[in-house]
Amino acid sequence: MDTVASACRLSLLFGEDKVMARRGLEQAWADLQAKLASGYPAVFYGQIPYLLVYAAAGVHIQFGRLLPLGQVCFC
C-alpha cells in the first residue's frame, strides 16, 4: 500500500500508486486486493459497510470500496 489516511488510530483510506499508465490501474487494483484480502476488523470499525480505496497509475485515478471481508469493488 502506498497511501493510508488515518484518524484516531483508524485507517480511513487505502491507496495504491503505480508510475506506469499502461496496465497500471489493473496492477494497482490487483495489489490492493492482495494486500487487503483479510478485510477490516469489526472490533475497530463496527458495522460500517465499506472503507474507501483508490488505485492510481500515471495520470489516472479510480476509486472503490473495501468491504468487511476483504472484497475490493471499484467503480
Protein backbone atom coordinates (compact mmCIF):
# COMPACT_ATOMS: atom_id res chain seq x y z
CA MET A 1 0.00 0.00 0.00
CA ASP A 2 1.35 3.38 -0.91
CA THR A 3 -1.16 5.58 0.91
CA VAL A 4 -3.02 5.18 4.17
CA ALA A 5 -5.02 8.06 5.64
CA SER A 6 -5.84 7.63 9.29
CA ALA A 7 -7.52 9.41 12.18
CA CYS A 8 -7.75 8.36 15.82
CA ARG A 9 -5.61 5.29 15.02
CA LEU A 10 -8.08 4.02 12.40
CA SER A 11 -7.31 3.78 8.70
CA LEU A 12 -9.87 5.71 6.64
CA LEU A 13 -8.48 5.43 3.10
CA PHE A 14 -6.12 2.98 1.41
CA GLY A 15 -4.43 3.63 -1.92
CA GLU A 16 -2.03 2.03 -4.36
CA ASP A 17 0.01 4.10 -6.82
CA LYS A 18 1.82 2.90 -9.95
CA VAL A 19 4.08 5.01 -12.13
CA MET A 20 3.23 3.28 -15.39
CA ALA A 21 -0.02 4.29 -17.05
CA ARG A 22 -0.32 1.22 -19.29
CA ARG A 23 -1.96 -1.63 -17.33
CA GLY A 24 -1.04 0.27 -14.18
CA LEU A 25 -4.59 0.55 -12.84
CA GLU A 26 -5.10 -3.19 -13.26
CA GLN A 27 -1.88 -3.89 -11.37
CA ALA A 28 -2.73 -1.36 -8.66
CA TRP A 29 -6.16 -2.99 -8.08
CA ALA A 30 -4.56 -6.45 -8.01
CA ASP A 31 -2.03 -5.25 -5.42
CA LEU A 32 -4.76 -3.68 -3.28
CA GLN A 33 -6.81 -6.88 -3.39
CA ALA A 34 -3.80 -8.94 -2.32
CA LYS A 35 -2.80 -6.58 0.49
CA LEU A 36 -6.33 -6.09 1.85
CA ALA A 37 -7.58 -9.66 1.45
CA SER A 38 -8.20 -10.04 5.18
CA GLY A 39 -10.66 -7.12 5.21
CA TYR A 40 -11.03 -4.95 8.31
CA PRO A 41 -11.97 -5.97 11.86
CA ALA A 42 -15.45 -5.10 13.13
CA VAL A 43 -13.92 -4.66 16.59
CA PHE A 44 -12.30 -1.41 15.42
CA TYR A 45 -14.71 -0.30 12.71
CA GLY A 46 -18.11 -1.51 13.94
CA GLN A 47 -20.77 -2.09 11.30
CA ILE A 48 -19.61 0.34 8.59
CA PRO A 49 -20.40 -1.03 5.12
CA TYR A 50 -17.03 -0.19 3.48
CA LEU A 51 -13.78 1.78 3.55
CA LEU A 52 -12.63 3.95 0.66
CA VAL A 53 -9.77 2.76 -1.54
CA TYR A 54 -8.17 4.10 -4.68
CA ALA A 55 -5.79 2.99 -7.40
CA ALA A 56 -3.69 5.42 -9.41
CA ALA A 57 -1.47 4.92 -12.44
CA GLY A 58 0.18 7.73 -14.33
CA VAL A 59 -2.45 10.49 -14.53
CA HIS A 60 -5.39 8.11 -13.98
CA ILE A 61 -7.15 7.51 -10.67
CA GLN A 62 -10.05 5.23 -9.80
CA PHE A 63 -11.92 4.94 -6.50
CA GLY A 64 -13.57 1.91 -4.95
CA ARG A 65 -14.67 0.24 -1.73
CA LEU A 66 -13.11 -2.28 0.61
CA LEU A 67 -15.85 -4.48 2.06
CA PRO A 68 -15.56 -6.04 5.56
CA LEU A 69 -14.48 -9.49 4.34
CA GLY A 70 -11.75 -8.16 2.06
CA GLN A 71 -13.52 -7.80 -1.28
CA VAL A 72 -12.40 -4.77 -3.26
CA CYS A 73 -15.06 -3.28 -5.56
CA PHE A 74 -14.10 -0.50 -7.92
CA CYS A 75 -16.33 1.90 -9.83
